[in-house]
Amino acid sequence: MVDLIVIAGGVIALAAAGWVMLTYNGFVGLRNRIEEAWSQIDVQLKKRFDLVPNLVETVKGYASHEKSTFTEITKARAAMASAGTVQEKAEAANMLTGALKSLFAVTENYPELKASQNFMMLQEELSGIESKIAFARQFYNTEVRKLNTQVESFPSNVLAGLFNFVKRDYFEVTQEETKPVKVSFQ
């Protein structure tokens, strides 16, 4: 009888150790996928960051009196350059997205600009980058959701607390980004 209890206790201990190992490795995998996803977003944000000055210079040649739009873009780029955390970069990226919406709204009033080959190439490149950012953001948010679910679910939340796995923030669209762009030509 004692042998049976020892064997059952050993099986339970082995199963518990296996669960701890699998759960811990699951957390590590999720953390690494989130970091990989953020790296992909960061690469695309950097490409967009580098492309914006070329786009602005092209538009300036046609619409030099649109100073407020150019100032907004400059501020957004500065915020992007100084952002350190994921949250700060997400906020700066959203700010830059809004500024670019304004820039493209301004271009609607300049048919010769819209017909410019240089502008069309830059706009197409930016559109491709925006699509990649959207895809990477979706992947990032999916992995964050998985991690956050594990961190909050019992019994994995016990291990999350022991090994300091914490919830992550989503890369969300701001309310400002969902509003239509208002452009005034005065």
N, C-alpha and C. Protein backbone atom coordinates (compact mmCIF):
# COMPACT_ATOMS: atom_id res chain seq x y z
N MET A 1 0.81 -1.19 0.00
CA MET A 1 0.00 0.00 0.00
C MET A 1 0.86 1.27 0.00
N VAL A 2 1.94 1.26 0.81
CA VAL A 2 2.85 2.40 0.89
C VAL A 2 3.52 2.62 -0.47
N ASP A 3 3.87 1.54 -1.15
CA ASP A 3 4.49 1.65 -2.46
C ASP A 3 3.55 2.32 -3.46
N LEU A 4 2.27 2.00 -3.39
CA LEU A 4 1.28 2.58 -4.28
C LEU A 4 1.15 4.08 -4.03
N ILE A 5 1.18 4.49 -2.78
CA ILE A 5 1.09 5.91 -2.43
C ILE A 5 2.33 6.65 -2.91
N VAL A 6 3.49 6.04 -2.75
CA VAL A 6 4.75 6.66 -3.21
C VAL A 6 4.74 6.80 -4.73
N ILE A 7 4.30 5.78 -5.42
CA ILE A 7 4.24 5.82 -6.89
C ILE A 7 3.25 6.88 -7.34
N ALA A 8 2.06 6.93 -6.72
CA ALA A 8 1.05 7.93 -7.08
C ALA A 8 1.59 9.34 -6.80
N GLY A 9 2.26 9.52 -5.67
CA GLY A 9 2.85 10.82 -5.34
C GLY A 9 3.91 11.21 -6.34
N GLY A 10 4.72 10.24 -6.77
CA GLY A 10 5.76 10.51 -7.77
C GLY A 10 5.16 10.90 -9.11
N VAL A 11 4.09 10.21 -9.51
CA VAL A 11 3.42 10.52 -10.78
C VAL A 11 2.82 11.94 -10.72
N ILE A 12 2.19 12.27 -9.59
CA ILE A 12 1.61 13.60 -9.42
C ILE A 12 2.70 14.67 -9.46
N ALA A 13 3.80 14.42 -8.76
CA ALA A 13 4.91 15.38 -8.74
C ALA A 13 5.50 15.55 -10.14
N LEU A 14 5.66 14.44 -10.84
CA LEU A 14 6.19 14.48 -12.20
C LEU A 14 5.23 15.25 -13.13
N ALA A 15 3.93 15.00 -13.00
CA ALA A 15 2.94 15.72 -13.80
C ALA A 15 2.96 17.21 -13.48
N ALA A 16 3.06 17.55 -12.21
CA ALA A 16 3.10 18.96 -11.80
C ALA A 16 4.36 19.63 -12.35
N ALA A 17 5.49 18.95 -12.27
CA ALA A 17 6.75 19.50 -12.79
C ALA A 17 6.65 19.68 -14.31
N GLY A 18 6.03 18.73 -14.99
CA GLY A 18 5.84 18.84 -16.43
C GLY A 18 4.94 20.02 -16.78
N TRP A 19 3.87 20.20 -15.99
CA TRP A 19 2.97 21.33 -16.24
C TRP A 19 3.71 22.65 -16.03
N VAL A 20 4.50 22.75 -14.96
CA VAL A 20 5.26 23.98 -14.68
C VAL A 20 6.20 24.28 -15.85
N MET A 21 6.89 23.25 -16.30
CA MET A 21 7.84 23.43 -17.40
C MET A 21 7.13 23.87 -18.68
N LEU A 22 6.05 23.20 -19.03
CA LEU A 22 5.32 23.56 -20.25
C LEU A 22 4.71 24.96 -20.16
N THR A 23 4.16 25.30 -19.02
CA THR A 23 3.56 26.61 -18.84
C THR A 23 4.62 27.70 -18.89
N TYR A 24 5.73 27.50 -18.21
CA TYR A 24 6.82 28.48 -18.22
C TYR A 24 7.34 28.67 -19.66
N ASN A 25 7.57 27.56 -20.36
CA ASN A 25 8.06 27.65 -21.74
C ASN A 25 7.03 28.33 -22.65
N GLY A 26 5.74 28.13 -22.37
CA GLY A 26 4.69 28.81 -23.12
C GLY A 26 4.77 30.32 -22.92
N PHE A 27 4.99 30.75 -21.67
CA PHE A 27 5.15 32.17 -21.39
C PHE A 27 6.37 32.74 -22.13
N VAL A 28 7.46 32.02 -22.09
CA VAL A 28 8.68 32.47 -22.77
C VAL A 28 8.43 32.59 -24.28
N GLY A 29 7.76 31.60 -24.85
CA GLY A 29 7.45 31.64 -26.27
C GLY A 29 6.57 32.84 -26.63
N LEU A 30 5.55 33.09 -25.82
CA LEU A 30 4.69 34.25 -26.08
C LEU A 30 5.45 35.56 -25.96
N ARG A 31 6.28 35.67 -24.92
CA ARG A 31 7.08 36.89 -24.75
C ARG A 31 7.98 37.12 -25.96
N ASN A 32 8.61 36.04 -26.44
CA ASN A 32 9.51 36.17 -27.59
C ASN A 32 8.76 36.52 -28.87
N ARG A 33 7.56 35.96 -29.07
CA ARG A 33 6.77 36.30 -30.25
C ARG A 33 6.31 37.75 -30.20
N ILE A 34 5.99 38.23 -29.01
CA ILE A 34 5.60 39.64 -28.86
C ILE A 34 6.78 40.55 -29.19
N GLU A 35 7.96 40.20 -28.71
CA GLU A 35 9.15 41.00 -29.02
C GLU A 35 9.47 40.96 -30.51
N GLU A 36 9.31 39.80 -31.12
CA GLU A 36 9.53 39.68 -32.57
C GLU A 36 8.50 40.53 -33.33
N ALA A 37 7.24 40.46 -32.90
CA ALA A 37 6.20 41.24 -33.56
C ALA A 37 6.47 42.73 -33.42
N TRP A 38 6.90 43.14 -32.22
CA TRP A 38 7.21 44.56 -32.05
C TRP A 38 8.38 44.98 -32.93
N SER A 39 9.37 44.11 -33.08
CA SER A 39 10.51 44.42 -33.95
C SER A 39 10.05 44.65 -35.38
N GLN A 40 9.09 43.85 -35.84
CA GLN A 40 8.57 44.03 -37.20
C GLN A 40 7.85 45.38 -37.33
N ILE A 41 7.08 45.75 -36.30
CA ILE A 41 6.42 47.06 -36.32
C ILE A 41 7.48 48.16 -36.33
N ASP A 42 8.47 48.01 -35.49
CA ASP A 42 9.53 49.02 -35.37
C ASP A 42 10.27 49.23 -36.68
N VAL A 43 10.54 48.14 -37.40
CA VAL A 43 11.22 48.24 -38.70
C VAL A 43 10.37 49.05 -39.68
N GLN A 44 9.07 48.76 -39.73
CA GLN A 44 8.19 49.48 -40.65
C GLN A 44 8.01 50.94 -40.23
N LEU A 45 7.95 51.18 -38.92
CA LEU A 45 7.85 52.57 -38.46
C LEU A 45 9.10 53.35 -38.83
N LYS A 46 10.25 52.72 -38.77
CA LYS A 46 11.51 53.36 -39.15
C LYS A 46 11.51 53.68 -40.64
N LYS A 47 11.03 52.73 -41.46
CA LYS A 47 10.95 52.98 -42.90
C LYS A 47 10.03 54.17 -43.18
N ARG A 48 8.89 54.20 -42.49
CA ARG A 48 7.96 55.31 -42.69
C ARG A 48 8.59 56.61 -42.22
N PHE A 49 9.26 56.56 -41.07
CA PHE A 49 9.94 57.73 -40.51
C PHE A 49 10.93 58.30 -41.52
N ASP A 50 11.69 57.42 -42.18
CA ASP A 50 12.69 57.85 -43.17
C ASP A 50 12.06 58.35 -44.46
N LEU A 51 10.90 57.85 -44.81
CA LEU A 51 10.23 58.23 -46.05
C LEU A 51 9.54 59.59 -45.95
N VAL A 52 9.07 59.93 -44.77
CA VAL A 52 8.26 61.15 -44.59
C VAL A 52 8.97 62.42 -45.06
N PRO A 53 10.25 62.66 -44.75
CA PRO A 53 10.88 63.90 -45.22
C PRO A 53 10.85 64.03 -46.75
N ASN A 54 11.05 62.93 -47.46
CA ASN A 54 10.99 62.97 -48.93
C ASN A 54 9.60 63.36 -49.41
N LEU A 55 8.61 62.78 -48.77
CA LEU A 55 7.23 63.09 -49.11
C LEU A 55 6.91 64.55 -48.83
N VAL A 56 7.31 65.03 -47.68
CA VAL A 56 7.05 66.42 -47.30
C VAL A 56 7.73 67.38 -48.27
N GLU A 57 8.98 67.10 -48.62
CA GLU A 57 9.70 67.98 -49.55
C GLU A 57 9.02 68.03 -50.91
N THR A 58 8.51 66.89 -51.35
CA THR A 58 7.80 66.85 -52.63
C THR A 58 6.54 67.71 -52.57
N VAL A 59 5.78 67.57 -51.48
CA VAL A 59 4.55 68.34 -51.34
C VAL A 59 4.86 69.82 -51.16
N LYS A 60 5.92 70.15 -50.43
CA LYS A 60 6.29 71.55 -50.19
C LYS A 60 6.49 72.30 -51.50
N GLY A 61 7.02 71.63 -52.49
CA GLY A 61 7.25 72.28 -53.78
C GLY A 61 5.96 72.76 -54.42
N TYR A 62 4.86 72.09 -54.12
CA TYR A 62 3.57 72.45 -54.72
C TYR A 62 2.69 73.25 -53.76
N ALA A 63 2.84 73.00 -52.47
CA ALA A 63 1.92 73.59 -51.49
C ALA A 63 2.69 74.21 -50.34
N SER A 64 3.56 75.14 -50.65
CA SER A 64 4.45 75.70 -49.63
C SER A 64 3.72 76.48 -48.55
N HIS A 65 2.49 76.93 -48.80
CA HIS A 65 1.76 77.71 -47.81
C HIS A 65 1.01 76.85 -46.79
N GLU A 66 1.13 75.54 -46.84
CA GLU A 66 0.46 74.63 -45.90
C GLU A 66 1.35 74.38 -44.68
N LYS A 67 1.79 75.45 -44.07
CA LYS A 67 2.77 75.36 -42.97
C LYS A 67 2.28 74.55 -41.77
N SER A 68 1.01 74.69 -41.40
CA SER A 68 0.52 73.98 -40.21
C SER A 68 0.62 72.47 -40.39
N THR A 69 0.35 71.99 -41.59
CA THR A 69 0.45 70.55 -41.87
C THR A 69 1.90 70.10 -41.75
N PHE A 70 2.82 70.87 -42.30
CA PHE A 70 4.24 70.52 -42.23
C PHE A 70 4.75 70.57 -40.79
N THR A 71 4.26 71.53 -40.02
CA THR A 71 4.65 71.65 -38.60
C THR A 71 4.17 70.43 -37.83
N GLU A 72 2.94 70.01 -38.11
CA GLU A 72 2.36 68.84 -37.45
C GLU A 72 3.19 67.58 -37.74
N ILE A 73 3.61 67.43 -38.97
CA ILE A 73 4.42 66.27 -39.36
C ILE A 73 5.79 66.33 -38.68
N THR A 74 6.38 67.50 -38.63
CA THR A 74 7.68 67.66 -37.96
C THR A 74 7.57 67.29 -36.48
N LYS A 75 6.50 67.75 -35.83
CA LYS A 75 6.29 67.41 -34.41
C LYS A 75 6.12 65.91 -34.23
N ALA A 76 5.36 65.30 -35.12
CA ALA A 76 5.11 63.86 -35.02
C ALA A 76 6.41 63.07 -35.22
N ARG A 77 7.23 63.50 -36.17
CA ARG A 77 8.51 62.82 -36.39
C ARG A 77 9.43 62.98 -35.18
N ALA A 78 9.42 64.17 -34.57
CA ALA A 78 10.24 64.40 -33.38
C ALA A 78 9.77 63.51 -32.23
N ALA A 79 8.46 63.37 -32.08
CA ALA A 79 7.92 62.49 -31.03
C ALA A 79 8.33 61.04 -31.29
N MET A 80 8.33 60.65 -32.55
CA MET A 80 8.72 59.29 -32.92
C MET A 80 10.20 59.05 -32.61
N ALA A 81 11.02 60.05 -32.90
CA ALA A 81 12.46 59.91 -32.68
C ALA A 81 12.79 59.83 -31.19
N SER A 82 12.02 60.50 -30.35
CA SER A 82 12.33 60.53 -28.92
C SER A 82 11.60 59.45 -28.14
N ALA A 83 10.69 58.71 -28.77
CA ALA A 83 9.93 57.68 -28.06
C ALA A 83 10.85 56.54 -27.64
N GLY A 84 10.66 56.08 -26.40
CA GLY A 84 11.49 55.00 -25.89
C GLY A 84 10.73 53.71 -25.67
N THR A 85 9.57 53.79 -25.04
CA THR A 85 8.81 52.59 -24.71
C THR A 85 7.89 52.22 -25.86
N VAL A 86 7.34 51.01 -25.80
CA VAL A 86 6.38 50.56 -26.81
C VAL A 86 5.19 51.51 -26.83
N GLN A 87 4.69 51.88 -25.65
CA GLN A 87 3.53 52.77 -25.57
C GLN A 87 3.84 54.13 -26.19
N GLU A 88 5.01 54.70 -25.88
CA GLU A 88 5.38 56.00 -26.45
C GLU A 88 5.51 55.91 -27.96
N LYS A 89 6.10 54.82 -28.45
CA LYS A 89 6.25 54.66 -29.90
C LYS A 89 4.89 54.49 -30.57
N ALA A 90 3.99 53.77 -29.91
CA ALA A 90 2.65 53.59 -30.47
C ALA A 90 1.92 54.93 -30.55
N GLU A 91 2.03 55.74 -29.50
CA GLU A 91 1.39 57.05 -29.50
C GLU A 91 2.00 57.96 -30.57
N ALA A 92 3.32 57.93 -30.70
CA ALA A 92 3.98 58.75 -31.71
C ALA A 92 3.61 58.27 -33.12
N ALA A 93 3.53 56.96 -33.30
CA ALA A 93 3.16 56.41 -34.61
C ALA A 93 1.73 56.83 -34.96
N ASN A 94 0.84 56.81 -33.98
CA ASN A 94 -0.53 57.24 -34.23
C ASN A 94 -0.58 58.73 -34.58
N MET A 95 0.25 59.52 -33.91
CA MET A 95 0.32 60.96 -34.18
C MET A 95 0.81 61.20 -35.61
N LEU A 96 1.84 60.44 -36.02
CA LEU A 96 2.37 60.57 -37.38
C LEU A 96 1.34 60.13 -38.41
N THR A 97 0.59 59.09 -38.11
CA THR A 97 -0.46 58.64 -39.02
C THR A 97 -1.49 59.74 -39.25
N GLY A 98 -1.90 60.40 -38.16
CA GLY A 98 -2.85 61.50 -38.30
C GLY A 98 -2.29 62.65 -39.11
N ALA A 99 -1.02 62.98 -38.90
CA ALA A 99 -0.38 64.06 -39.65
C ALA A 99 -0.29 63.71 -41.13
N LEU A 100 0.00 62.46 -41.43
CA LEU A 100 0.07 62.04 -42.83
C LEU A 100 -1.30 62.08 -43.49
N LYS A 101 -2.34 61.75 -42.73
CA LYS A 101 -3.71 61.87 -43.28
C LYS A 101 -3.96 63.32 -43.69
N SER A 102 -3.55 64.26 -42.84
CA SER A 102 -3.73 65.67 -43.15
C SER A 102 -2.94 66.05 -44.41
N LEU A 103 -1.73 65.53 -44.52
CA LEU A 103 -0.90 65.82 -45.69
C LEU A 103 -1.58 65.34 -46.97
N PHE A 104 -2.11 64.12 -46.93
CA PHE A 104 -2.76 63.60 -48.12
C PHE A 104 -4.07 64.32 -48.41
N ALA A 105 -4.73 64.81 -47.39
CA ALA A 105 -5.94 65.60 -47.61
C ALA A 105 -5.57 66.91 -48.31
N VAL A 106 -4.45 67.50 -47.93
CA VAL A 106 -3.99 68.74 -48.56
C VAL A 106 -3.69 68.50 -50.03
N THR A 107 -3.11 67.37 -50.35
CA THR A 107 -2.72 67.10 -51.74
C THR A 107 -3.92 67.00 -52.67
N GLU A 108 -5.10 66.71 -52.13
CA GLU A 108 -6.29 66.63 -52.97
C GLU A 108 -6.56 67.94 -53.69
N ASN A 109 -6.08 69.04 -53.15
CA ASN A 109 -6.33 70.35 -53.74
C ASN A 109 -5.29 70.73 -54.80
N TYR A 110 -4.33 69.84 -55.05
CA TYR A 110 -3.26 70.14 -56.00
C TYR A 110 -3.16 69.03 -57.05
N PRO A 111 -3.93 69.13 -58.12
CA PRO A 111 -3.93 68.07 -59.15
C PRO A 111 -2.55 67.84 -59.77
N GLU A 112 -1.77 68.92 -59.93
CA GLU A 112 -0.44 68.74 -60.54
C GLU A 112 0.49 67.94 -59.62
N LEU A 113 0.28 68.07 -58.30
CA LEU A 113 1.05 67.29 -57.33
C LEU A 113 0.65 65.82 -57.41
N LYS A 114 -0.65 65.58 -57.45
CA LYS A 114 -1.13 64.20 -57.52
C LYS A 114 -0.65 63.50 -58.79
N ALA A 115 -0.38 64.26 -59.84
CA ALA A 115 0.09 63.68 -61.10
C ALA A 115 1.61 63.50 -61.13
N SER A 116 2.32 64.06 -60.15
CA SER A 116 3.77 63.97 -60.12
C SER A 116 4.22 62.52 -59.91
N GLN A 117 5.12 62.07 -60.77
CA GLN A 117 5.64 60.70 -60.67
C GLN A 117 6.32 60.46 -59.32
N ASN A 118 7.12 61.44 -58.89
CA ASN A 118 7.83 61.31 -57.62
C ASN A 118 6.85 61.17 -56.46
N PHE A 119 5.82 62.00 -56.45
CA PHE A 119 4.81 61.94 -55.40
C PHE A 119 4.07 60.61 -55.44
N MET A 120 3.71 60.16 -56.63
CA MET A 120 2.98 58.90 -56.76
C MET A 120 3.82 57.73 -56.25
N MET A 121 5.12 57.73 -56.56
CA MET A 121 6.00 56.66 -56.07
C MET A 121 6.10 56.68 -54.54
N LEU A 122 6.28 57.88 -53.99
CA LEU A 122 6.37 58.01 -52.54
C LEU A 122 5.07 57.59 -51.87
N GLN A 123 3.96 57.99 -52.45
CA GLN A 123 2.66 57.64 -51.88
C GLN A 123 2.43 56.12 -51.94
N GLU A 124 2.84 55.50 -53.03
CA GLU A 124 2.70 54.05 -53.17
C GLU A 124 3.59 53.32 -52.16
N GLU A 125 4.81 53.80 -51.99
CA GLU A 125 5.72 53.20 -51.02
C GLU A 125 5.16 53.35 -49.60
N LEU A 126 4.64 54.51 -49.29
CA LEU A 126 4.05 54.74 -47.98
C LEU A 126 2.84 53.85 -47.76
N SER A 127 2.04 53.69 -48.78
CA SER A 127 0.86 52.82 -48.68
C SER A 127 1.28 51.38 -48.37
N GLY A 128 2.34 50.91 -49.02
CA GLY A 128 2.85 49.57 -48.75
C GLY A 128 3.35 49.43 -47.32
N ILE A 129 4.04 50.45 -46.85
CA ILE A 129 4.54 50.44 -45.47
C ILE A 129 3.38 50.43 -44.49
N GLU A 130 2.36 51.25 -44.76
CA GLU A 130 1.18 51.29 -43.88
C GLU A 130 0.51 49.93 -43.81
N SER A 131 0.43 49.22 -44.92
CA SER A 131 -0.17 47.88 -44.92
C SER A 131 0.65 46.92 -44.07
N LYS A 132 1.97 47.02 -44.18
CA LYS A 132 2.84 46.16 -43.38
C LYS A 132 2.73 46.49 -41.89
N ILE A 133 2.60 47.77 -41.57
CA ILE A 133 2.42 48.17 -40.17
C ILE A 133 1.11 47.60 -39.64
N ALA A 134 0.05 47.68 -40.44
CA ALA A 134 -1.26 47.16 -40.01
C ALA A 134 -1.18 45.66 -39.76
N PHE A 135 -0.52 44.92 -40.66
CA PHE A 135 -0.38 43.47 -40.48
C PHE A 135 0.44 43.16 -39.25
N ALA A 136 1.57 43.87 -39.08
CA ALA A 136 2.43 43.62 -37.92
C ALA A 136 1.72 43.99 -36.62
N ARG A 137 0.93 45.05 -36.65
CA ARG A 137 0.17 45.46 -35.47
C ARG A 137 -0.85 44.37 -35.10
N GLN A 138 -1.49 43.81 -36.11
CA GLN A 138 -2.46 42.74 -35.86
C GLN A 138 -1.77 41.52 -35.23
N PHE A 139 -0.62 41.13 -35.77
CA PHE A 139 0.13 40.00 -35.22
C PHE A 139 0.55 40.29 -33.78
N TYR A 140 1.06 41.48 -33.55
CA TYR A 140 1.49 41.89 -32.21
C TYR A 140 0.32 41.80 -31.23
N ASN A 141 -0.81 42.38 -31.60
CA ASN A 141 -1.97 42.39 -30.71
C ASN A 141 -2.51 40.98 -30.45
N THR A 142 -2.43 40.10 -31.44
CA THR A 142 -2.85 38.71 -31.24
C THR A 142 -1.97 38.03 -30.19
N GLU A 143 -0.67 38.23 -30.30
CA GLU A 143 0.25 37.62 -29.34
C GLU A 143 0.10 38.24 -27.94
N VAL A 144 -0.16 39.54 -27.88
CA VAL A 144 -0.40 40.20 -26.59
C VAL A 144 -1.66 39.62 -25.95
N ARG A 145 -2.70 39.43 -26.76
CA ARG A 145 -3.94 38.85 -26.23
C ARG A 145 -3.68 37.46 -25.65
N LYS A 146 -2.91 36.64 -26.35
CA LYS A 146 -2.60 35.30 -25.86
C LYS A 146 -1.85 35.36 -24.53
N LEU A 147 -0.83 36.22 -24.46
CA LEU A 147 -0.06 36.36 -23.22
C LEU A 147 -0.96 36.86 -22.10
N ASN A 148 -1.73 37.90 -22.36
CA ASN A 148 -2.58 38.47 -21.32
C ASN A 148 -3.60 37.45 -20.80
N THR A 149 -4.11 36.62 -21.69
CA THR A 149 -5.05 35.57 -21.28
C THR A 149 -4.36 34.58 -20.35
N GLN A 150 -3.15 34.18 -20.70
CA GLN A 150 -2.40 33.24 -19.86
C GLN A 150 -2.06 33.86 -18.50
N VAL A 151 -1.67 35.13 -18.50
CA VAL A 151 -1.30 35.81 -17.26
C VAL A 151 -2.50 35.92 -16.32
N GLU A 152 -3.69 36.04 -16.89
CA GLU A 152 -4.89 36.21 -16.07
C GLU A 152 -5.61 34.90 -15.73
N SER A 153 -5.33 33.83 -16.47
CA SER A 153 -6.07 32.57 -16.29
C SER A 153 -5.48 31.72 -15.18
N PHE A 154 -6.36 31.07 -14.44
CA PHE A 154 -5.93 30.13 -13.40
C PHE A 154 -5.74 28.77 -14.04
N PRO A 155 -4.73 28.04 -13.74
CA PRO A 155 -3.70 28.22 -12.72
C PRO A 155 -2.40 28.85 -13.24
N SER A 156 -2.37 29.18 -14.56
CA SER A 156 -1.13 29.73 -15.10
C SER A 156 -0.80 31.10 -14.51
N ASN A 157 -1.81 31.80 -13.96
CA ASN A 157 -1.54 33.11 -13.36
C ASN A 157 -0.64 32.99 -12.14
N VAL A 158 -0.66 31.83 -11.49
CA VAL A 158 0.22 31.60 -10.34
C VAL A 158 1.68 31.61 -10.80
N LEU A 159 1.95 30.87 -11.87
CA LEU A 159 3.31 30.86 -12.41
C LEU A 159 3.70 32.21 -12.98
N ALA A 160 2.76 32.89 -13.60
CA ALA A 160 3.05 34.22 -14.15
C ALA A 160 3.54 35.14 -13.04
N GLY A 161 2.88 35.09 -11.91
CA GLY A 161 3.29 35.91 -10.78
C GLY A 161 4.65 35.49 -10.23
N LEU A 162 4.88 34.19 -10.14
CA LEU A 162 6.16 33.70 -9.62
C LEU A 162 7.34 34.09 -10.50
N PHE A 163 7.13 34.05 -11.81
CA PHE A 163 8.23 34.31 -12.74
C PHE A 163 8.15 35.69 -13.38
N ASN A 164 7.30 36.55 -12.85
CA ASN A 164 7.20 37.95 -13.25
C ASN A 164 6.81 38.15 -14.73
N PHE A 165 5.91 37.32 -15.21
CA PHE A 165 5.32 37.55 -16.53
C PHE A 165 4.11 38.45 -16.31
N VAL A 166 4.09 39.59 -16.99
CA VAL A 166 3.02 40.57 -16.79
C VAL A 166 2.28 40.83 -18.09
N LYS A 167 1.09 41.40 -17.94
CA LYS A 167 0.30 41.77 -19.11
C LYS A 167 1.03 42.83 -19.91
N ARG A 168 0.79 42.83 -21.20
CA ARG A 168 1.36 43.83 -22.11
C ARG A 168 0.24 44.72 -22.64
N ASP A 169 0.62 45.90 -23.11
CA ASP A 169 -0.35 46.82 -23.71
C ASP A 169 -0.52 46.49 -25.18
N TYR A 170 -1.74 46.67 -25.66
CA TYR A 170 -2.02 46.52 -27.08
C TYR A 170 -1.51 47.75 -27.82
N PHE A 171 -1.24 47.59 -29.10
CA PHE A 171 -0.90 48.70 -29.97
C PHE A 171 -2.22 49.12 -30.60
N GLU A 172 -2.85 50.12 -30.01
CA GLU A 172 -4.21 50.48 -30.39
C GLU A 172 -4.25 51.76 -31.20
N VAL A 173 -5.31 51.89 -31.95
CA VAL A 173 -5.59 53.10 -32.71
C VAL A 173 -6.22 54.10 -31.75
N THR A 174 -5.78 55.34 -31.82
CA THR A 174 -6.35 56.36 -30.95
C THR A 174 -7.69 56.84 -31.51
N GLN A 175 -8.48 57.47 -30.67
CA GLN A 175 -9.75 58.04 -31.11
C GLN A 175 -9.52 59.06 -32.21
N GLU A 176 -8.43 59.82 -32.08
CA GLU A 176 -8.12 60.86 -33.06
C GLU A 176 -7.94 60.27 -34.46
N GLU A 177 -7.36 59.07 -34.53
CA GLU A 177 -7.10 58.44 -35.83
C GLU A 177 -8.38 58.02 -36.54
N THR A 178 -9.45 57.80 -35.79
CA THR A 178 -10.68 57.32 -36.40
C THR A 178 -11.55 58.46 -36.94
N LYS A 179 -11.19 59.70 -36.59
CA LYS A 179 -11.97 60.85 -37.05
C LYS A 179 -11.56 61.24 -38.46
N PRO A 180 -12.50 61.83 -39.23
CA PRO A 180 -12.12 62.31 -40.56
C PRO A 180 -11.17 63.50 -40.45
N VAL A 181 -10.31 63.64 -41.44
CA VAL A 181 -9.35 64.74 -41.46
C VAL A 181 -10.05 66.01 -41.91
N LYS A 182 -9.82 67.10 -41.17
CA LYS A 182 -10.39 68.39 -41.54
C LYS A 182 -9.27 69.25 -42.13
N VAL A 183 -9.52 69.74 -43.33
CA VAL A 183 -8.53 70.59 -43.98
C VAL A 183 -9.19 71.90 -44.35
N SER A 184 -8.50 72.98 -44.06
CA SER A 184 -9.03 74.31 -44.36
C SER A 184 -8.01 75.05 -45.21
N PHE A 185 -8.46 75.58 -46.35
CA PHE A 185 -7.58 76.37 -47.21
C PHE A 185 -7.97 77.84 -47.08
N GLN A 186 -7.17 78.59 -46.35
CA GLN A 186 -7.48 80.01 -46.15
C GLN A 186 -6.33 80.86 -46.58
